[in-house]
Amino acid sequence: MTFDEIKSILKTKTVGIAGCGGLGSNCAVALARVGLGSLVIADYDVIVESNLNRQYYFQNQIGMLKVFALKQNLLMINPAIKVHAFDLRLCMSDTIEIFRNCDVIVEAFDKAEMKHMILDAVHTHLPDKYLVMGIGMAGWGDNELIHSRTSGKLVVCGDELNEIAEQNPPLAPRVGIVSNMQANAVMEILLGKNPYKNSAS
């Protein structure tokens, strides 16, 4: 499949991203670069300087709401992408309503309770939707622990071990790996498996 053929399929698809921090902003950028047609993004947070160690924002965007700064950045990368940005703290009812028409939903929260909320919302109320989650990306090193696993319509990316803490912060390399794994999982859901993955480069 050529890149033009990939883009011709992806331009008809919509992906929802819950959270616009390290996972969400970098996953969104990866999907914009490959020609996704539409993104639905939601977050209530404001960019601060400490976000810049791993999130796809810039110094001149400090103080902006993440959803609107991310929309700005995505349109600079791919002016054809449609970005529907929602400035709100997601609850179960909002999650169901906002992401109802998405082909795939990406979970990109920091807090465990929010991860549980979206898992419950999608599993209970949107059971036909794929959910791609990121769990375990704090710290550095241990590349061999990072993986993805699939169970039904749930895909989990990360090492599923290293939780974020003051002494184990989220940093650009591991967060970037997991967020791009999430984007790659989204592509596999939307395009099917790559038939050329075992070919010599």
N, C-alpha and C. Protein backbone atom coordinates (compact mmCIF):
# COMPACT_ATOMS: atom_id res chain seq x y z
N MET A 1 0.85 -1.19 0.00
CA MET A 1 0.00 0.00 0.00
C MET A 1 0.89 1.25 0.00
N THR A 2 0.70 2.12 -0.96
CA THR A 2 1.50 3.35 -1.03
C THR A 2 1.02 4.35 0.02
N PHE A 3 1.84 5.38 0.25
CA PHE A 3 1.43 6.41 1.21
C PHE A 3 0.17 7.12 0.73
N ASP A 4 0.03 7.35 -0.57
CA ASP A 4 -1.19 7.98 -1.09
C ASP A 4 -2.41 7.10 -0.83
N GLU A 5 -2.25 5.80 -0.97
CA GLU A 5 -3.36 4.87 -0.69
C GLU A 5 -3.70 4.87 0.80
N ILE A 6 -2.68 4.92 1.64
CA ILE A 6 -2.90 5.00 3.09
C ILE A 6 -3.69 6.26 3.43
N LYS A 7 -3.25 7.39 2.88
CA LYS A 7 -3.92 8.66 3.18
C LYS A 7 -5.35 8.67 2.66
N SER A 8 -5.60 8.02 1.53
CA SER A 8 -6.95 8.01 0.97
C SER A 8 -7.93 7.27 1.87
N ILE A 9 -7.44 6.28 2.62
CA ILE A 9 -8.28 5.58 3.59
C ILE A 9 -8.41 6.39 4.88
N LEU A 10 -7.28 6.85 5.40
CA LEU A 10 -7.28 7.53 6.69
C LEU A 10 -8.03 8.86 6.65
N LYS A 11 -8.10 9.51 5.49
CA LYS A 11 -8.78 10.80 5.44
C LYS A 11 -10.29 10.68 5.68
N THR A 12 -10.81 9.45 5.62
CA THR A 12 -12.24 9.22 5.88
C THR A 12 -12.50 8.84 7.33
N LYS A 13 -11.46 8.77 8.16
CA LYS A 13 -11.58 8.24 9.52
C LYS A 13 -11.49 9.35 10.57
N THR A 14 -12.12 9.06 11.72
CA THR A 14 -12.11 9.97 12.86
C THR A 14 -11.60 9.24 14.09
N VAL A 15 -10.66 9.85 14.79
CA VAL A 15 -10.09 9.28 16.01
C VAL A 15 -10.32 10.26 17.16
N GLY A 16 -10.75 9.74 18.29
CA GLY A 16 -10.90 10.56 19.49
C GLY A 16 -9.72 10.38 20.41
N ILE A 17 -9.23 11.47 20.99
CA ILE A 17 -8.12 11.40 21.95
C ILE A 17 -8.54 12.09 23.23
N ALA A 18 -8.58 11.32 24.31
CA ALA A 18 -8.98 11.82 25.62
C ALA A 18 -7.74 12.19 26.42
N GLY A 19 -7.45 13.49 26.46
CA GLY A 19 -6.25 13.98 27.12
C GLY A 19 -5.24 14.49 26.12
N CYS A 20 -4.70 15.67 26.35
CA CYS A 20 -3.77 16.29 25.39
C CYS A 20 -2.41 16.57 26.02
N GLY A 21 -1.98 15.69 26.92
CA GLY A 21 -0.66 15.82 27.52
C GLY A 21 0.39 15.09 26.71
N GLY A 22 1.29 14.38 27.41
CA GLY A 22 2.40 13.72 26.72
C GLY A 22 1.94 12.67 25.73
N LEU A 23 1.07 11.78 26.16
CA LEU A 23 0.57 10.75 25.24
C LEU A 23 -0.33 11.36 24.17
N GLY A 24 -1.30 12.13 24.58
CA GLY A 24 -2.29 12.63 23.63
C GLY A 24 -1.73 13.55 22.58
N SER A 25 -0.87 14.50 22.97
CA SER A 25 -0.35 15.46 22.00
C SER A 25 0.55 14.78 20.98
N ASN A 26 1.39 13.87 21.44
CA ASN A 26 2.32 13.19 20.52
C ASN A 26 1.60 12.17 19.64
N CYS A 27 0.61 11.49 20.17
CA CYS A 27 -0.19 10.57 19.36
C CYS A 27 -0.95 11.35 18.27
N ALA A 28 -1.52 12.47 18.65
CA ALA A 28 -2.26 13.30 17.68
C ALA A 28 -1.36 13.77 16.55
N VAL A 29 -0.14 14.18 16.88
CA VAL A 29 0.80 14.64 15.87
C VAL A 29 1.14 13.51 14.90
N ALA A 30 1.40 12.32 15.44
CA ALA A 30 1.72 11.17 14.57
C ALA A 30 0.58 10.88 13.61
N LEU A 31 -0.66 10.95 14.09
CA LEU A 31 -1.82 10.67 13.24
C LEU A 31 -2.04 11.78 12.21
N ALA A 32 -1.78 13.01 12.59
CA ALA A 32 -1.89 14.11 11.63
C ALA A 32 -0.88 13.94 10.50
N ARG A 33 0.32 13.47 10.83
CA ARG A 33 1.37 13.32 9.83
C ARG A 33 1.05 12.24 8.80
N VAL A 34 0.28 11.23 9.18
CA VAL A 34 -0.03 10.15 8.23
C VAL A 34 -1.33 10.37 7.48
N GLY A 35 -1.97 11.53 7.69
CA GLY A 35 -3.10 11.88 6.85
C GLY A 35 -4.48 11.56 7.41
N LEU A 36 -4.60 11.39 8.74
CA LEU A 36 -5.91 11.17 9.33
C LEU A 36 -6.85 12.33 8.98
N GLY A 37 -8.11 12.00 8.73
CA GLY A 37 -9.05 13.02 8.31
C GLY A 37 -9.56 13.91 9.42
N SER A 38 -9.84 13.33 10.60
CA SER A 38 -10.48 14.09 11.65
C SER A 38 -10.06 13.60 13.03
N LEU A 39 -9.84 14.54 13.93
CA LEU A 39 -9.52 14.24 15.32
C LEU A 39 -10.52 14.94 16.24
N VAL A 40 -10.94 14.25 17.27
CA VAL A 40 -11.73 14.84 18.35
C VAL A 40 -10.86 14.79 19.59
N ILE A 41 -10.48 15.96 20.12
CA ILE A 41 -9.58 16.02 21.26
C ILE A 41 -10.26 16.73 22.43
N ALA A 42 -9.95 16.28 23.64
CA ALA A 42 -10.56 16.87 24.82
C ALA A 42 -9.56 16.95 25.96
N ASP A 43 -9.50 18.10 26.62
CA ASP A 43 -8.64 18.33 27.78
C ASP A 43 -9.05 19.66 28.38
N TYR A 44 -8.81 19.85 29.67
CA TYR A 44 -9.17 21.11 30.33
C TYR A 44 -7.94 21.87 30.81
N ASP A 45 -6.76 21.31 30.62
CA ASP A 45 -5.55 21.82 31.26
C ASP A 45 -4.90 22.93 30.44
N VAL A 46 -4.04 23.68 31.12
CA VAL A 46 -3.28 24.78 30.53
C VAL A 46 -1.81 24.38 30.45
N ILE A 47 -1.13 24.81 29.41
CA ILE A 47 0.29 24.48 29.23
C ILE A 47 1.14 25.25 30.24
N VAL A 48 2.03 24.52 30.92
CA VAL A 48 3.02 25.13 31.81
C VAL A 48 4.40 24.67 31.34
N GLU A 49 5.43 25.36 31.81
CA GLU A 49 6.77 25.09 31.30
C GLU A 49 7.20 23.64 31.53
N SER A 50 6.79 23.06 32.65
CA SER A 50 7.21 21.69 32.95
C SER A 50 6.63 20.67 31.97
N ASN A 51 5.59 21.03 31.23
CA ASN A 51 5.03 20.13 30.21
C ASN A 51 5.97 19.94 29.02
N LEU A 52 6.86 20.89 28.81
CA LEU A 52 7.65 20.90 27.57
C LEU A 52 8.71 19.81 27.53
N ASN A 53 8.90 19.08 28.64
CA ASN A 53 9.89 17.99 28.61
C ASN A 53 9.37 16.77 27.88
N ARG A 54 8.06 16.76 27.50
CA ARG A 54 7.51 15.56 26.85
C ARG A 54 6.28 15.82 25.98
N GLN A 55 5.70 17.00 26.07
CA GLN A 55 4.45 17.28 25.36
C GLN A 55 4.70 18.13 24.13
N TYR A 56 3.86 17.97 23.09
CA TYR A 56 4.11 18.64 21.81
C TYR A 56 3.61 20.08 21.82
N TYR A 57 4.31 20.90 22.63
CA TYR A 57 4.00 22.33 22.72
C TYR A 57 5.31 23.11 22.72
N PHE A 58 5.18 24.43 22.69
CA PHE A 58 6.34 25.30 22.54
C PHE A 58 6.31 26.41 23.59
N GLN A 59 7.47 27.04 23.79
CA GLN A 59 7.58 28.09 24.80
C GLN A 59 6.53 29.18 24.63
N ASN A 60 6.28 29.57 23.39
CA ASN A 60 5.33 30.67 23.17
C ASN A 60 3.87 30.25 23.38
N GLN A 61 3.63 28.96 23.69
CA GLN A 61 2.28 28.50 23.96
C GLN A 61 2.00 28.31 25.45
N ILE A 62 2.99 28.58 26.29
CA ILE A 62 2.78 28.49 27.74
C ILE A 62 1.63 29.43 28.13
N GLY A 63 0.70 28.89 28.92
CA GLY A 63 -0.48 29.66 29.34
C GLY A 63 -1.71 29.40 28.49
N MET A 64 -1.53 28.80 27.32
CA MET A 64 -2.67 28.48 26.47
C MET A 64 -3.34 27.19 26.93
N LEU A 65 -4.62 27.04 26.64
CA LEU A 65 -5.28 25.77 26.86
C LEU A 65 -4.70 24.74 25.90
N LYS A 66 -4.44 23.54 26.40
CA LYS A 66 -3.79 22.52 25.58
C LYS A 66 -4.58 22.17 24.33
N VAL A 67 -5.90 22.06 24.44
CA VAL A 67 -6.67 21.64 23.26
C VAL A 67 -6.53 22.62 22.11
N PHE A 68 -6.50 23.91 22.41
CA PHE A 68 -6.42 24.91 21.34
C PHE A 68 -4.99 25.06 20.81
N ALA A 69 -4.01 24.93 21.69
CA ALA A 69 -2.61 24.95 21.24
C ALA A 69 -2.32 23.73 20.37
N LEU A 70 -2.84 22.56 20.79
CA LEU A 70 -2.62 21.35 19.99
C LEU A 70 -3.30 21.46 18.64
N LYS A 71 -4.51 21.98 18.61
CA LYS A 71 -5.19 22.18 17.33
C LYS A 71 -4.35 23.07 16.42
N GLN A 72 -3.80 24.13 16.97
CA GLN A 72 -2.94 25.05 16.20
C GLN A 72 -1.75 24.30 15.63
N ASN A 73 -1.10 23.48 16.44
CA ASN A 73 0.09 22.75 15.99
C ASN A 73 -0.26 21.70 14.94
N LEU A 74 -1.37 21.01 15.12
CA LEU A 74 -1.78 19.99 14.16
C LEU A 74 -2.08 20.59 12.79
N LEU A 75 -2.70 21.75 12.78
CA LEU A 75 -3.03 22.40 11.51
C LEU A 75 -1.79 22.93 10.81
N MET A 76 -0.75 23.25 11.57
CA MET A 76 0.51 23.65 10.94
C MET A 76 1.18 22.46 10.28
N ILE A 77 0.99 21.26 10.84
CA ILE A 77 1.56 20.04 10.27
C ILE A 77 0.73 19.55 9.08
N ASN A 78 -0.58 19.55 9.24
CA ASN A 78 -1.49 19.03 8.22
C ASN A 78 -2.72 19.93 8.13
N PRO A 79 -2.69 20.92 7.25
CA PRO A 79 -3.81 21.86 7.16
C PRO A 79 -5.13 21.21 6.76
N ALA A 80 -5.09 20.00 6.23
CA ALA A 80 -6.33 19.34 5.78
C ALA A 80 -7.07 18.64 6.91
N ILE A 81 -6.40 18.42 8.04
CA ILE A 81 -7.05 17.67 9.12
C ILE A 81 -8.13 18.51 9.79
N LYS A 82 -9.24 17.88 10.14
CA LYS A 82 -10.31 18.56 10.89
C LYS A 82 -10.10 18.22 12.36
N VAL A 83 -10.02 19.25 13.20
CA VAL A 83 -9.78 19.06 14.62
C VAL A 83 -10.94 19.66 15.40
N HIS A 84 -11.65 18.82 16.13
CA HIS A 84 -12.76 19.25 16.99
C HIS A 84 -12.24 19.25 18.42
N ALA A 85 -12.04 20.44 18.99
CA ALA A 85 -11.38 20.57 20.28
C ALA A 85 -12.39 20.93 21.37
N PHE A 86 -12.38 20.17 22.46
CA PHE A 86 -13.29 20.38 23.57
C PHE A 86 -12.51 20.70 24.83
N ASP A 87 -12.74 21.92 25.36
CA ASP A 87 -12.09 22.36 26.58
C ASP A 87 -12.96 21.95 27.77
N LEU A 88 -12.71 20.75 28.30
CA LEU A 88 -13.48 20.29 29.45
C LEU A 88 -12.78 19.12 30.14
N ARG A 89 -13.11 18.95 31.39
CA ARG A 89 -12.65 17.79 32.17
C ARG A 89 -13.65 16.67 31.90
N LEU A 90 -13.23 15.64 31.24
CA LEU A 90 -14.14 14.59 30.81
C LEU A 90 -14.73 13.82 31.99
N CYS A 91 -16.03 13.59 31.91
CA CYS A 91 -16.72 12.66 32.79
C CYS A 91 -17.29 11.56 31.90
N MET A 92 -17.97 10.60 32.50
CA MET A 92 -18.46 9.48 31.70
C MET A 92 -19.45 9.93 30.63
N SER A 93 -20.40 10.78 30.99
CA SER A 93 -21.42 11.20 30.01
C SER A 93 -20.80 11.99 28.87
N ASP A 94 -19.84 12.88 29.19
CA ASP A 94 -19.16 13.64 28.13
C ASP A 94 -18.36 12.72 27.22
N THR A 95 -17.68 11.75 27.82
CA THR A 95 -16.88 10.80 27.03
C THR A 95 -17.75 10.06 26.03
N ILE A 96 -18.89 9.60 26.47
CA ILE A 96 -19.81 8.86 25.59
C ILE A 96 -20.30 9.75 24.47
N GLU A 97 -20.68 10.98 24.80
CA GLU A 97 -21.25 11.89 23.81
C GLU A 97 -20.21 12.37 22.80
N ILE A 98 -19.05 12.80 23.29
CA ILE A 98 -18.04 13.41 22.42
C ILE A 98 -17.42 12.40 21.46
N PHE A 99 -17.19 11.17 21.94
CA PHE A 99 -16.47 10.17 21.14
C PHE A 99 -17.38 9.15 20.47
N ARG A 100 -18.68 9.36 20.53
CA ARG A 100 -19.65 8.40 20.01
C ARG A 100 -19.43 8.08 18.53
N ASN A 101 -19.04 9.07 17.74
CA ASN A 101 -18.91 8.87 16.29
C ASN A 101 -17.48 8.63 15.83
N CYS A 102 -16.57 8.39 16.77
CA CYS A 102 -15.18 8.12 16.41
C CYS A 102 -15.00 6.65 16.01
N ASP A 103 -14.08 6.42 15.09
CA ASP A 103 -13.76 5.05 14.69
C ASP A 103 -12.92 4.34 15.74
N VAL A 104 -12.04 5.08 16.40
CA VAL A 104 -11.17 4.56 17.46
C VAL A 104 -11.04 5.63 18.52
N ILE A 105 -10.91 5.22 19.79
CA ILE A 105 -10.71 6.15 20.90
C ILE A 105 -9.36 5.87 21.54
N VAL A 106 -8.59 6.92 21.78
CA VAL A 106 -7.28 6.80 22.43
C VAL A 106 -7.37 7.40 23.82
N GLU A 107 -6.98 6.61 24.82
CA GLU A 107 -6.91 7.09 26.20
C GLU A 107 -5.52 7.67 26.44
N ALA A 108 -5.46 8.91 26.94
CA ALA A 108 -4.17 9.57 27.15
C ALA A 108 -4.17 10.37 28.45
N PHE A 109 -4.70 9.76 29.50
CA PHE A 109 -4.77 10.41 30.81
C PHE A 109 -3.53 10.10 31.66
N ASP A 110 -3.27 10.98 32.64
CA ASP A 110 -2.22 10.73 33.61
C ASP A 110 -2.73 9.91 34.80
N LYS A 111 -3.96 10.19 35.22
CA LYS A 111 -4.46 9.65 36.48
C LYS A 111 -5.20 8.32 36.29
N ALA A 112 -4.95 7.41 37.24
CA ALA A 112 -5.53 6.07 37.15
C ALA A 112 -7.05 6.11 37.18
N GLU A 113 -7.64 7.01 37.98
CA GLU A 113 -9.09 7.04 38.06
C GLU A 113 -9.74 7.46 36.74
N MET A 114 -9.04 8.31 35.98
CA MET A 114 -9.56 8.71 34.68
C MET A 114 -9.43 7.57 33.67
N LYS A 115 -8.35 6.80 33.78
CA LYS A 115 -8.19 5.62 32.92
C LYS A 115 -9.32 4.62 33.18
N HIS A 116 -9.65 4.42 34.45
CA HIS A 116 -10.75 3.51 34.80
C HIS A 116 -12.08 4.04 34.26
N MET A 117 -12.27 5.35 34.37
CA MET A 117 -13.51 5.95 33.90
C MET A 117 -13.73 5.71 32.41
N ILE A 118 -12.72 6.00 31.59
CA ILE A 118 -12.91 5.85 30.14
C ILE A 118 -13.03 4.37 29.75
N LEU A 119 -12.30 3.50 30.44
CA LEU A 119 -12.43 2.07 30.17
C LEU A 119 -13.86 1.61 30.44
N ASP A 120 -14.43 2.06 31.56
CA ASP A 120 -15.80 1.70 31.91
C ASP A 120 -16.79 2.31 30.91
N ALA A 121 -16.57 3.58 30.54
CA ALA A 121 -17.48 4.26 29.62
C ALA A 121 -17.52 3.56 28.27
N VAL A 122 -16.36 3.24 27.73
CA VAL A 122 -16.31 2.62 26.40
C VAL A 122 -16.81 1.19 26.46
N HIS A 123 -16.36 0.44 27.46
CA HIS A 123 -16.76 -0.97 27.56
C HIS A 123 -18.27 -1.11 27.75
N THR A 124 -18.86 -0.23 28.56
CA THR A 124 -20.28 -0.35 28.90
C THR A 124 -21.19 0.30 27.87
N HIS A 125 -20.80 1.48 27.39
CA HIS A 125 -21.72 2.27 26.57
C HIS A 125 -21.34 2.35 25.09
N LEU A 126 -20.08 2.08 24.76
CA LEU A 126 -19.63 2.13 23.36
C LEU A 126 -18.88 0.83 23.03
N PRO A 127 -19.52 -0.31 23.24
CA PRO A 127 -18.80 -1.59 23.13
C PRO A 127 -18.31 -1.93 21.73
N ASP A 128 -18.81 -1.21 20.72
CA ASP A 128 -18.35 -1.47 19.35
C ASP A 128 -17.08 -0.69 19.02
N LYS A 129 -16.62 0.17 19.94
CA LYS A 129 -15.45 1.01 19.68
C LYS A 129 -14.16 0.36 20.17
N TYR A 130 -13.10 0.52 19.40
CA TYR A 130 -11.76 0.16 19.87
C TYR A 130 -11.26 1.24 20.83
N LEU A 131 -10.62 0.82 21.90
CA LEU A 131 -10.00 1.73 22.86
C LEU A 131 -8.52 1.39 22.95
N VAL A 132 -7.65 2.39 22.73
CA VAL A 132 -6.21 2.21 22.79
C VAL A 132 -5.69 2.97 24.00
N MET A 133 -5.17 2.25 24.99
CA MET A 133 -4.74 2.85 26.25
C MET A 133 -3.22 2.86 26.37
N GLY A 134 -2.71 3.79 27.18
CA GLY A 134 -1.29 3.86 27.49
C GLY A 134 -1.09 3.64 28.98
N ILE A 135 -0.37 2.60 29.35
CA ILE A 135 -0.17 2.28 30.77
C ILE A 135 1.29 1.88 31.00
N GLY A 136 2.00 2.70 31.79
CA GLY A 136 3.38 2.37 32.14
C GLY A 136 4.39 2.95 31.17
N MET A 137 4.71 4.25 31.37
CA MET A 137 5.71 4.87 30.49
C MET A 137 6.66 5.79 31.25
N ALA A 138 6.61 5.76 32.57
CA ALA A 138 7.45 6.66 33.36
C ALA A 138 8.91 6.22 33.35
N GLY A 139 9.78 7.16 33.68
CA GLY A 139 11.21 6.86 33.81
C GLY A 139 11.94 6.80 32.48
N TRP A 140 12.99 5.98 32.43
CA TRP A 140 13.80 5.87 31.22
C TRP A 140 14.36 4.46 31.11
N GLY A 141 14.88 4.13 29.95
CA GLY A 141 15.48 2.81 29.74
C GLY A 141 14.44 1.70 29.65
N ASP A 142 14.91 0.46 29.79
CA ASP A 142 14.04 -0.72 29.76
C ASP A 142 13.18 -0.79 28.50
N ASN A 143 13.79 -0.52 27.36
CA ASN A 143 13.04 -0.60 26.10
C ASN A 143 12.37 -1.95 25.92
N GLU A 144 13.04 -3.00 26.39
CA GLU A 144 12.53 -4.35 26.16
C GLU A 144 11.24 -4.63 26.91
N LEU A 145 10.90 -3.80 27.90
CA LEU A 145 9.66 -4.00 28.66
C LEU A 145 8.45 -3.39 27.97
N ILE A 146 8.68 -2.47 27.05
CA ILE A 146 7.56 -1.76 26.42
C ILE A 146 6.97 -2.64 25.33
N HIS A 147 5.66 -2.77 25.36
CA HIS A 147 4.98 -3.68 24.44
C HIS A 147 3.55 -3.21 24.21
N SER A 148 2.85 -3.90 23.36
CA SER A 148 1.40 -3.70 23.24
C SER A 148 0.74 -5.06 23.29
N ARG A 149 -0.45 -5.08 23.84
CA ARG A 149 -1.23 -6.32 23.86
C ARG A 149 -2.68 -5.98 23.55
N THR A 150 -3.36 -6.93 22.95
CA THR A 150 -4.74 -6.73 22.52
C THR A 150 -5.64 -7.76 23.17
N SER A 151 -6.78 -7.29 23.65
CA SER A 151 -7.81 -8.17 24.20
C SER A 151 -9.16 -7.69 23.69
N GLY A 152 -9.70 -8.39 22.70
CA GLY A 152 -10.94 -7.92 22.07
C GLY A 152 -10.72 -6.60 21.40
N LYS A 153 -11.48 -5.58 21.79
CA LYS A 153 -11.34 -4.25 21.20
C LYS A 153 -10.52 -3.31 22.08
N LEU A 154 -9.78 -3.88 23.02
CA LEU A 154 -8.89 -3.10 23.87
C LEU A 154 -7.44 -3.36 23.49
N VAL A 155 -6.68 -2.27 23.29
CA VAL A 155 -5.24 -2.36 23.04
C VAL A 155 -4.54 -1.57 24.15
N VAL A 156 -3.56 -2.19 24.79
CA VAL A 156 -2.80 -1.53 25.85
C VAL A 156 -1.35 -1.40 25.40
N CYS A 157 -0.82 -0.18 25.45
CA CYS A 157 0.57 0.10 25.07
C CYS A 157 1.33 0.62 26.30
N GLY A 158 2.56 0.14 26.48
CA GLY A 158 3.38 0.56 27.60
C GLY A 158 4.02 -0.64 28.27
N ASP A 159 4.64 -0.42 29.43
CA ASP A 159 5.23 -1.57 30.12
C ASP A 159 4.30 -2.12 31.20
N GLU A 160 3.19 -1.39 31.47
CA GLU A 160 2.18 -1.79 32.46
C GLU A 160 2.75 -1.94 33.86
N LEU A 161 3.92 -1.30 34.11
CA LEU A 161 4.59 -1.41 35.40
C LEU A 161 4.94 -0.06 36.00
N ASN A 162 5.60 0.79 35.22
CA ASN A 162 6.20 2.00 35.75
C ASN A 162 5.20 3.15 35.81
N GLU A 163 4.63 3.35 37.00
CA GLU A 163 3.67 4.42 37.21
C GLU A 163 4.41 5.74 37.45
N ILE A 164 3.76 6.82 37.09
CA ILE A 164 4.35 8.15 37.24
C ILE A 164 4.40 8.52 38.72
N ALA A 165 5.56 9.03 39.16
CA ALA A 165 5.75 9.49 40.54
C ALA A 165 6.82 10.56 40.53
N GLU A 166 6.96 11.27 41.65
CA GLU A 166 7.95 12.35 41.71
C GLU A 166 9.35 11.84 41.41
N GLN A 167 9.68 10.64 41.91
CA GLN A 167 10.99 10.05 41.69
C GLN A 167 11.04 9.20 40.42
N ASN A 168 9.94 9.14 39.70
CA ASN A 168 9.88 8.36 38.46
C ASN A 168 9.03 9.14 37.44
N PRO A 169 9.55 10.29 36.98
CA PRO A 169 8.74 11.20 36.17
C PRO A 169 8.55 10.70 34.74
N PRO A 170 7.52 11.20 34.07
CA PRO A 170 7.36 10.92 32.65
C PRO A 170 8.31 11.79 31.84
N LEU A 171 9.07 11.18 30.94
CA LEU A 171 10.07 11.88 30.15
C LEU A 171 9.85 11.60 28.66
N ALA A 172 10.37 12.50 27.83
CA ALA A 172 10.08 12.46 26.40
C ALA A 172 10.34 11.12 25.72
N PRO A 173 11.49 10.45 25.96
CA PRO A 173 11.75 9.22 25.20
C PRO A 173 10.70 8.13 25.40
N ARG A 174 10.42 7.76 26.65
CA ARG A 174 9.45 6.68 26.87
C ARG A 174 8.03 7.11 26.54
N VAL A 175 7.67 8.34 26.91
CA VAL A 175 6.33 8.83 26.57
C VAL A 175 6.16 8.86 25.05
N GLY A 176 7.21 9.29 24.34
CA GLY A 176 7.15 9.31 22.87
C GLY A 176 7.00 7.93 22.27
N ILE A 177 7.71 6.95 22.84
CA ILE A 177 7.60 5.58 22.33
C ILE A 177 6.17 5.08 22.49
N VAL A 178 5.60 5.24 23.68
CA VAL A 178 4.26 4.72 23.95
C VAL A 178 3.21 5.45 23.14
N SER A 179 3.32 6.78 23.03
CA SER A 179 2.33 7.53 22.26
C SER A 179 2.38 7.15 20.78
N ASN A 180 3.55 6.90 20.26
CA ASN A 180 3.65 6.48 18.86
C ASN A 180 3.20 5.04 18.68
N MET A 181 3.40 4.19 19.71
CA MET A 181 2.82 2.85 19.66
C MET A 181 1.29 2.94 19.61
N GLN A 182 0.72 3.87 20.36
CA GLN A 182 -0.73 4.05 20.32
C GLN A 182 -1.18 4.47 18.92
N ALA A 183 -0.47 5.42 18.31
CA ALA A 183 -0.81 5.85 16.96
C ALA A 183 -0.67 4.70 15.97
N ASN A 184 0.37 3.89 16.15
CA ASN A 184 0.59 2.74 15.27
C ASN A 184 -0.53 1.72 15.42
N ALA A 185 -0.99 1.52 16.67
CA ALA A 185 -2.12 0.61 16.90
C ALA A 185 -3.39 1.13 16.24
N VAL A 186 -3.59 2.43 16.30
CA VAL A 186 -4.75 3.04 15.63
C VAL A 186 -4.69 2.77 14.13
N MET A 187 -3.51 2.93 13.55
CA MET A 187 -3.37 2.68 12.11
C MET A 187 -3.67 1.23 11.76
N GLU A 188 -3.21 0.30 12.62
CA GLU A 188 -3.47 -1.11 12.35
C GLU A 188 -4.96 -1.42 12.43
N ILE A 189 -5.65 -0.79 13.37
CA ILE A 189 -7.10 -0.97 13.47
C ILE A 189 -7.80 -0.44 12.22
N LEU A 190 -7.38 0.72 11.74
CA LEU A 190 -8.05 1.37 10.61
C LEU A 190 -7.65 0.81 9.25
N LEU A 191 -6.41 0.31 9.15
CA LEU A 191 -5.89 -0.16 7.86
C LEU A 191 -5.74 -1.68 7.78
N GLY A 192 -5.77 -2.36 8.92
CA GLY A 192 -5.43 -3.78 8.95
C GLY A 192 -3.93 -3.95 9.14
N LYS A 193 -3.50 -5.18 9.32
CA LYS A 193 -2.08 -5.45 9.51
C LYS A 193 -1.29 -5.14 8.25
N ASN A 194 -0.04 -4.73 8.43
CA ASN A 194 0.83 -4.42 7.31
C ASN A 194 1.33 -5.73 6.68
N PRO A 195 0.94 -6.02 5.43
CA PRO A 195 1.34 -7.30 4.82
C PRO A 195 2.82 -7.35 4.47
N TYR A 196 3.51 -6.19 4.54
CA TYR A 196 4.92 -6.15 4.14
C TYR A 196 5.85 -6.05 5.35
N LYS A 197 5.33 -6.26 6.55
CA LYS A 197 6.14 -6.01 7.75
C LYS A 197 7.34 -6.94 7.88
N ASN A 198 7.29 -8.10 7.23
CA ASN A 198 8.42 -9.04 7.30
C ASN A 198 9.37 -8.93 6.12
N SER A 199 9.09 -7.98 5.23
CA SER A 199 9.95 -7.81 4.06
C SER A 199 11.26 -7.16 4.45
N ALA A 200 12.30 -7.46 3.71
CA ALA A 200 13.59 -6.78 3.93
C ALA A 200 13.46 -5.34 3.53
N SER A 201 14.11 -4.44 4.27
CA SER A 201 14.03 -3.01 3.95
C SER A 201 15.07 -2.64 2.90
